[in-house]
Amino acid sequence: MRIASVLALTALVATSVSAETLDKTVKANTRSAIGGFLSYEVDTCYSAEVPDVKVRQAPANGSIQLIPHEQEMGKDSRCPGKRVRGLAYVYTPKKGFKGLDEVVLDVPWRSNDLNPPTILTYTYRIRVE
């Protein structure tokens, strides 16, 4: 499984709550990475705290795992060669299930230590084929 290829960098937002809906397609009876993020300071490349992601709504027809992940930044990034940490979101459908499922995750994110965290809410609509 290539988790690294589906990771998305979580962006900072200025509002207190932000929501995004993402559509994903996965194979039946297969564990699949559906998203995630890497946590680092863009300007300095220093590692940042990995937020405590919460499952707001678990999938009805499968399971979700939030797995610690580390990878080396690519040559085309601002931090080539730097190893950064984050999380991968891994979905596993129930055996034999095909159809639609959904999971909702809340990601608290701080732009600095002085401000309260912004809650980024991600809804993953998952088509299992």
N, C-alpha and C. Protein backbone atom coordinates (compact mmCIF):
# COMPACT_ATOMS: atom_id res chain seq x y z
N MET A 1 0.85 -1.17 0.00
CA MET A 1 0.00 0.00 0.00
C MET A 1 0.89 1.23 0.00
N ARG A 2 0.61 2.16 -0.87
CA ARG A 2 1.42 3.38 -0.97
C ARG A 2 0.68 4.53 -0.30
N ILE A 3 0.85 4.65 1.00
CA ILE A 3 0.19 5.71 1.75
C ILE A 3 0.72 7.06 1.34
N ALA A 4 2.01 7.16 1.11
CA ALA A 4 2.63 8.46 0.82
C ALA A 4 2.04 9.12 -0.41
N SER A 5 1.59 8.35 -1.38
CA SER A 5 1.11 8.94 -2.61
C SER A 5 -0.26 9.62 -2.45
N VAL A 6 -0.96 9.34 -1.36
CA VAL A 6 -2.27 9.96 -1.21
C VAL A 6 -2.33 10.95 -0.07
N LEU A 7 -1.22 11.25 0.54
CA LEU A 7 -1.22 12.22 1.63
C LEU A 7 -1.37 13.62 1.08
N ALA A 8 -2.15 14.40 1.77
CA ALA A 8 -2.32 15.80 1.39
C ALA A 8 -1.87 16.68 2.54
N LEU A 9 -1.17 17.72 2.22
CA LEU A 9 -0.71 18.66 3.24
C LEU A 9 -1.90 19.47 3.72
N THR A 10 -2.13 19.46 5.03
CA THR A 10 -3.22 20.24 5.61
C THR A 10 -2.82 21.71 5.62
N ALA A 11 -3.67 22.55 5.10
CA ALA A 11 -3.39 23.99 5.05
C ALA A 11 -3.99 24.69 6.25
N LEU A 12 -3.37 25.79 6.63
CA LEU A 12 -3.89 26.61 7.72
C LEU A 12 -4.98 27.52 7.18
N VAL A 13 -6.00 27.75 8.00
CA VAL A 13 -7.07 28.66 7.61
C VAL A 13 -7.25 29.70 8.70
N ALA A 14 -7.86 30.81 8.34
CA ALA A 14 -7.99 31.92 9.28
C ALA A 14 -9.28 31.87 10.10
N THR A 15 -10.23 31.05 9.72
CA THR A 15 -11.49 30.99 10.45
C THR A 15 -11.42 29.95 11.56
N SER A 16 -12.41 29.98 12.46
CA SER A 16 -12.39 29.06 13.59
C SER A 16 -12.88 27.66 13.20
N VAL A 17 -13.64 27.54 12.14
CA VAL A 17 -14.11 26.24 11.68
C VAL A 17 -14.04 26.22 10.16
N SER A 18 -13.57 25.12 9.62
CA SER A 18 -13.50 24.95 8.18
C SER A 18 -13.94 23.53 7.84
N ALA A 19 -14.68 23.37 6.75
CA ALA A 19 -15.16 22.04 6.36
C ALA A 19 -14.85 21.79 4.89
N GLU A 20 -14.52 20.55 4.61
CA GLU A 20 -14.23 20.14 3.24
C GLU A 20 -14.77 18.74 3.03
N THR A 21 -15.35 18.49 1.85
CA THR A 21 -15.84 17.16 1.51
C THR A 21 -14.99 16.63 0.36
N LEU A 22 -14.52 15.40 0.54
CA LEU A 22 -13.65 14.76 -0.44
C LEU A 22 -14.27 13.43 -0.88
N ASP A 23 -14.31 13.18 -2.18
CA ASP A 23 -14.81 11.93 -2.72
C ASP A 23 -13.64 11.00 -3.01
N LYS A 24 -13.75 9.76 -2.54
CA LYS A 24 -12.71 8.76 -2.74
C LYS A 24 -13.36 7.48 -3.26
N THR A 25 -12.61 6.75 -4.08
CA THR A 25 -13.05 5.43 -4.56
C THR A 25 -12.00 4.42 -4.14
N VAL A 26 -12.46 3.32 -3.53
CA VAL A 26 -11.56 2.25 -3.08
C VAL A 26 -12.09 0.91 -3.58
N LYS A 27 -11.23 -0.09 -3.55
CA LYS A 27 -11.62 -1.44 -3.96
C LYS A 27 -12.24 -2.17 -2.78
N ALA A 28 -13.26 -2.98 -3.07
CA ALA A 28 -13.89 -3.81 -2.04
C ALA A 28 -12.85 -4.77 -1.46
N ASN A 29 -13.02 -5.10 -0.19
CA ASN A 29 -12.16 -6.06 0.51
C ASN A 29 -10.69 -5.66 0.55
N THR A 30 -10.42 -4.36 0.45
CA THR A 30 -9.04 -3.88 0.42
C THR A 30 -8.87 -2.70 1.37
N ARG A 31 -7.80 -2.71 2.12
CA ARG A 31 -7.43 -1.61 3.01
C ARG A 31 -6.81 -0.52 2.14
N SER A 32 -7.29 0.73 2.29
CA SER A 32 -6.83 1.81 1.41
C SER A 32 -6.60 3.11 2.18
N ALA A 33 -5.51 3.80 1.85
CA ALA A 33 -5.28 5.14 2.38
C ALA A 33 -6.19 6.09 1.62
N ILE A 34 -6.98 6.88 2.36
CA ILE A 34 -7.90 7.82 1.72
C ILE A 34 -7.48 9.27 1.92
N GLY A 35 -6.46 9.51 2.74
CA GLY A 35 -6.00 10.87 2.98
C GLY A 35 -5.04 10.93 4.14
N GLY A 36 -4.73 12.14 4.57
CA GLY A 36 -3.84 12.34 5.70
C GLY A 36 -3.14 13.68 5.57
N PHE A 37 -2.09 13.87 6.34
CA PHE A 37 -1.36 15.13 6.29
C PHE A 37 0.05 14.94 6.84
N LEU A 38 0.91 15.90 6.53
CA LEU A 38 2.25 15.97 7.08
C LEU A 38 2.32 17.27 7.88
N SER A 39 3.04 17.25 9.01
CA SER A 39 3.04 18.38 9.92
C SER A 39 4.46 18.95 10.06
N TYR A 40 4.66 20.15 9.46
CA TYR A 40 5.96 20.81 9.56
C TYR A 40 5.79 22.30 9.28
N GLU A 41 6.77 23.07 9.72
CA GLU A 41 6.78 24.51 9.50
C GLU A 41 7.27 24.77 8.07
N VAL A 42 6.45 25.39 7.27
CA VAL A 42 6.77 25.59 5.86
C VAL A 42 8.02 26.44 5.66
N ASP A 43 8.18 27.50 6.46
CA ASP A 43 9.31 28.41 6.27
C ASP A 43 10.64 27.87 6.79
N THR A 44 10.58 27.04 7.87
CA THR A 44 11.82 26.58 8.48
C THR A 44 12.10 25.09 8.28
N CYS A 45 11.09 24.34 7.86
CA CYS A 45 11.17 22.89 7.66
C CYS A 45 11.25 22.13 8.98
N TYR A 46 11.09 22.81 10.14
CA TYR A 46 11.10 22.11 11.42
C TYR A 46 9.83 21.29 11.58
N SER A 47 9.94 20.16 12.25
CA SER A 47 8.77 19.34 12.54
C SER A 47 7.81 20.12 13.42
N ALA A 48 6.53 19.93 13.18
CA ALA A 48 5.50 20.56 14.00
C ALA A 48 4.72 19.48 14.74
N GLU A 49 3.98 19.89 15.74
CA GLU A 49 3.16 18.97 16.51
C GLU A 49 2.13 18.31 15.59
N VAL A 50 1.94 16.99 15.76
CA VAL A 50 0.91 16.28 15.01
C VAL A 50 -0.38 16.42 15.80
N PRO A 51 -1.40 17.06 15.22
CA PRO A 51 -2.64 17.30 15.95
C PRO A 51 -3.37 16.00 16.33
N ASP A 52 -4.19 16.10 17.37
CA ASP A 52 -4.98 14.98 17.87
C ASP A 52 -6.29 14.90 17.08
N VAL A 53 -6.25 14.21 15.95
CA VAL A 53 -7.41 14.07 15.07
C VAL A 53 -8.46 13.21 15.75
N LYS A 54 -9.73 13.62 15.64
CA LYS A 54 -10.85 12.89 16.23
C LYS A 54 -11.79 12.41 15.13
N VAL A 55 -12.32 11.21 15.31
CA VAL A 55 -13.34 10.71 14.39
C VAL A 55 -14.68 11.24 14.89
N ARG A 56 -15.27 12.14 14.13
CA ARG A 56 -16.58 12.69 14.48
C ARG A 56 -17.68 11.70 14.12
N GLN A 57 -17.55 11.08 12.95
CA GLN A 57 -18.53 10.09 12.49
C GLN A 57 -17.76 8.93 11.89
N ALA A 58 -17.90 7.76 12.51
CA ALA A 58 -17.23 6.55 12.00
C ALA A 58 -17.98 6.04 10.77
N PRO A 59 -17.30 5.34 9.88
CA PRO A 59 -17.98 4.77 8.72
C PRO A 59 -18.95 3.68 9.16
N ALA A 60 -20.11 3.61 8.53
CA ALA A 60 -21.14 2.62 8.87
C ALA A 60 -20.82 1.24 8.31
N ASN A 61 -20.05 1.21 7.21
CA ASN A 61 -19.81 -0.05 6.50
C ASN A 61 -18.34 -0.42 6.41
N GLY A 62 -17.58 0.02 7.40
CA GLY A 62 -16.16 -0.28 7.42
C GLY A 62 -15.53 0.32 8.66
N SER A 63 -14.21 0.48 8.63
CA SER A 63 -13.50 1.06 9.77
C SER A 63 -12.46 2.06 9.26
N ILE A 64 -12.08 2.97 10.15
CA ILE A 64 -11.06 3.97 9.83
C ILE A 64 -9.95 3.87 10.87
N GLN A 65 -8.71 3.96 10.42
CA GLN A 65 -7.56 4.00 11.31
C GLN A 65 -6.79 5.28 11.04
N LEU A 66 -6.30 5.90 12.09
CA LEU A 66 -5.44 7.07 11.98
C LEU A 66 -4.05 6.61 12.35
N ILE A 67 -3.19 6.44 11.36
CA ILE A 67 -1.90 5.79 11.55
C ILE A 67 -0.76 6.81 11.47
N PRO A 68 0.10 6.86 12.50
CA PRO A 68 1.27 7.75 12.42
C PRO A 68 2.08 7.42 11.16
N HIS A 69 2.54 8.46 10.50
CA HIS A 69 3.24 8.29 9.23
C HIS A 69 4.41 9.27 9.18
N GLU A 70 5.50 8.84 8.60
CA GLU A 70 6.66 9.70 8.40
C GLU A 70 7.16 9.49 6.98
N GLN A 71 7.58 10.57 6.34
CA GLN A 71 8.15 10.43 5.00
C GLN A 71 9.15 11.53 4.73
N GLU A 72 10.02 11.27 3.78
CA GLU A 72 11.01 12.24 3.36
C GLU A 72 10.39 13.14 2.31
N MET A 73 10.59 14.44 2.45
CA MET A 73 10.06 15.40 1.48
C MET A 73 10.82 15.26 0.17
N GLY A 74 10.09 15.43 -0.93
CA GLY A 74 10.66 15.26 -2.26
C GLY A 74 11.50 16.44 -2.72
N LYS A 75 12.18 16.23 -3.83
CA LYS A 75 13.07 17.25 -4.41
C LYS A 75 12.31 18.52 -4.80
N ASP A 76 11.04 18.38 -5.15
CA ASP A 76 10.25 19.53 -5.60
C ASP A 76 9.59 20.29 -4.44
N SER A 77 9.84 19.89 -3.20
CA SER A 77 9.27 20.58 -2.04
C SER A 77 10.19 21.70 -1.57
N ARG A 78 9.71 22.49 -0.61
CA ARG A 78 10.54 23.55 -0.03
C ARG A 78 11.55 22.98 0.96
N CYS A 79 11.38 21.70 1.32
CA CYS A 79 12.24 21.05 2.32
C CYS A 79 12.77 19.72 1.81
N PRO A 80 13.46 19.69 0.68
CA PRO A 80 13.90 18.42 0.10
C PRO A 80 14.79 17.63 1.07
N GLY A 81 14.48 16.33 1.19
CA GLY A 81 15.28 15.44 2.03
C GLY A 81 14.89 15.45 3.50
N LYS A 82 14.10 16.42 3.93
CA LYS A 82 13.68 16.52 5.34
C LYS A 82 12.62 15.45 5.63
N ARG A 83 12.80 14.72 6.76
CA ARG A 83 11.80 13.75 7.19
C ARG A 83 10.78 14.46 8.06
N VAL A 84 9.50 14.29 7.73
CA VAL A 84 8.42 14.93 8.48
C VAL A 84 7.40 13.90 8.92
N ARG A 85 6.69 14.25 10.01
CA ARG A 85 5.70 13.33 10.57
C ARG A 85 4.29 13.81 10.25
N GLY A 86 3.34 12.91 10.39
CA GLY A 86 1.94 13.23 10.19
C GLY A 86 1.08 12.02 10.47
N LEU A 87 -0.08 11.99 9.83
CA LEU A 87 -1.00 10.86 9.96
C LEU A 87 -1.50 10.44 8.59
N ALA A 88 -1.76 9.16 8.45
CA ALA A 88 -2.44 8.63 7.26
C ALA A 88 -3.80 8.14 7.72
N TYR A 89 -4.83 8.41 6.92
CA TYR A 89 -6.19 7.94 7.20
C TYR A 89 -6.42 6.71 6.35
N VAL A 90 -6.61 5.56 7.00
CA VAL A 90 -6.71 4.29 6.29
C VAL A 90 -8.10 3.69 6.53
N TYR A 91 -8.82 3.46 5.43
CA TYR A 91 -10.18 2.92 5.46
C TYR A 91 -10.18 1.46 5.04
N THR A 92 -10.96 0.64 5.77
CA THR A 92 -11.15 -0.77 5.42
C THR A 92 -12.64 -1.06 5.38
N PRO A 93 -13.18 -1.40 4.19
CA PRO A 93 -14.61 -1.73 4.13
C PRO A 93 -14.90 -3.09 4.76
N LYS A 94 -16.14 -3.27 5.21
CA LYS A 94 -16.55 -4.58 5.71
C LYS A 94 -16.44 -5.59 4.57
N LYS A 95 -16.10 -6.82 4.92
CA LYS A 95 -15.93 -7.87 3.91
C LYS A 95 -17.20 -8.00 3.07
N GLY A 96 -17.02 -7.92 1.77
CA GLY A 96 -18.13 -8.08 0.83
C GLY A 96 -18.93 -6.82 0.57
N PHE A 97 -18.67 -5.74 1.31
CA PHE A 97 -19.44 -4.51 1.11
C PHE A 97 -19.04 -3.81 -0.17
N LYS A 98 -20.05 -3.37 -0.92
CA LYS A 98 -19.88 -2.49 -2.07
C LYS A 98 -20.97 -1.44 -1.98
N GLY A 99 -20.61 -0.19 -2.22
CA GLY A 99 -21.57 0.90 -2.12
C GLY A 99 -20.90 2.14 -1.57
N LEU A 100 -21.73 3.00 -0.95
CA LEU A 100 -21.22 4.26 -0.42
C LEU A 100 -21.06 4.20 1.09
N ASP A 101 -20.03 4.84 1.58
CA ASP A 101 -19.78 4.96 3.01
C ASP A 101 -19.26 6.37 3.25
N GLU A 102 -19.20 6.77 4.52
CA GLU A 102 -18.76 8.13 4.83
C GLU A 102 -18.09 8.14 6.20
N VAL A 103 -17.04 8.94 6.31
CA VAL A 103 -16.36 9.15 7.59
C VAL A 103 -16.09 10.65 7.72
N VAL A 104 -16.24 11.17 8.95
CA VAL A 104 -16.01 12.59 9.20
C VAL A 104 -14.93 12.71 10.28
N LEU A 105 -13.89 13.50 9.97
CA LEU A 105 -12.77 13.69 10.88
C LEU A 105 -12.62 15.16 11.25
N ASP A 106 -12.31 15.43 12.52
CA ASP A 106 -12.01 16.78 12.99
C ASP A 106 -10.52 16.88 13.28
N VAL A 107 -9.88 17.88 12.67
CA VAL A 107 -8.45 18.08 12.84
C VAL A 107 -8.22 19.43 13.51
N PRO A 108 -7.81 19.44 14.80
CA PRO A 108 -7.50 20.73 15.44
C PRO A 108 -6.13 21.20 14.96
N TRP A 109 -6.04 22.45 14.55
CA TRP A 109 -4.79 22.96 13.99
C TRP A 109 -4.50 24.33 14.56
N ARG A 110 -3.29 24.53 15.05
CA ARG A 110 -2.87 25.83 15.59
C ARG A 110 -1.89 26.50 14.65
N SER A 111 -2.11 27.78 14.41
CA SER A 111 -1.14 28.53 13.61
C SER A 111 0.03 28.98 14.48
N ASN A 112 -0.24 29.08 15.81
CA ASN A 112 0.82 29.39 16.77
C ASN A 112 0.33 29.02 18.16
N ASP A 113 1.21 29.11 19.16
CA ASP A 113 0.85 28.72 20.52
C ASP A 113 -0.07 29.71 21.22
N LEU A 114 -0.23 30.89 20.68
CA LEU A 114 -1.04 31.92 21.33
C LEU A 114 -2.52 31.84 20.99
N ASN A 115 -2.84 31.33 19.82
CA ASN A 115 -4.23 31.28 19.37
C ASN A 115 -4.86 29.92 19.66
N PRO A 116 -6.18 29.90 19.88
CA PRO A 116 -6.85 28.61 20.05
C PRO A 116 -6.83 27.84 18.72
N PRO A 117 -6.96 26.52 18.79
CA PRO A 117 -6.91 25.76 17.53
C PRO A 117 -8.11 26.03 16.64
N THR A 118 -7.87 25.95 15.35
CA THR A 118 -8.91 25.96 14.33
C THR A 118 -9.31 24.51 14.12
N ILE A 119 -10.61 24.24 14.02
CA ILE A 119 -11.05 22.87 13.76
C ILE A 119 -11.32 22.75 12.27
N LEU A 120 -10.54 21.91 11.62
CA LEU A 120 -10.74 21.60 10.20
C LEU A 120 -11.54 20.30 10.15
N THR A 121 -12.70 20.31 9.52
CA THR A 121 -13.55 19.13 9.44
C THR A 121 -13.50 18.59 8.02
N TYR A 122 -13.16 17.32 7.91
CA TYR A 122 -13.08 16.65 6.60
C TYR A 122 -14.10 15.53 6.55
N THR A 123 -14.96 15.57 5.54
CA THR A 123 -15.92 14.50 5.28
C THR A 123 -15.41 13.73 4.07
N TYR A 124 -15.17 12.45 4.25
CA TYR A 124 -14.75 11.58 3.15
C TYR A 124 -15.95 10.75 2.72
N ARG A 125 -16.41 10.98 1.48
CA ARG A 125 -17.46 10.14 0.89
C ARG A 125 -16.72 9.06 0.11
N ILE A 126 -16.92 7.83 0.53
CA ILE A 126 -16.13 6.72 0.00
C ILE A 126 -17.02 5.80 -0.83
N ARG A 127 -16.63 5.62 -2.09
CA ARG A 127 -17.32 4.68 -2.97
C ARG A 127 -16.50 3.39 -2.98
N VAL A 128 -17.11 2.30 -2.53
CA VAL A 128 -16.44 1.01 -2.50
C VAL A 128 -16.92 0.20 -3.69
N GLU A 129 -15.98 -0.16 -4.59
CA GLU A 129 -16.33 -0.89 -5.83
C GLU A 129 -15.70 -2.26 -5.84
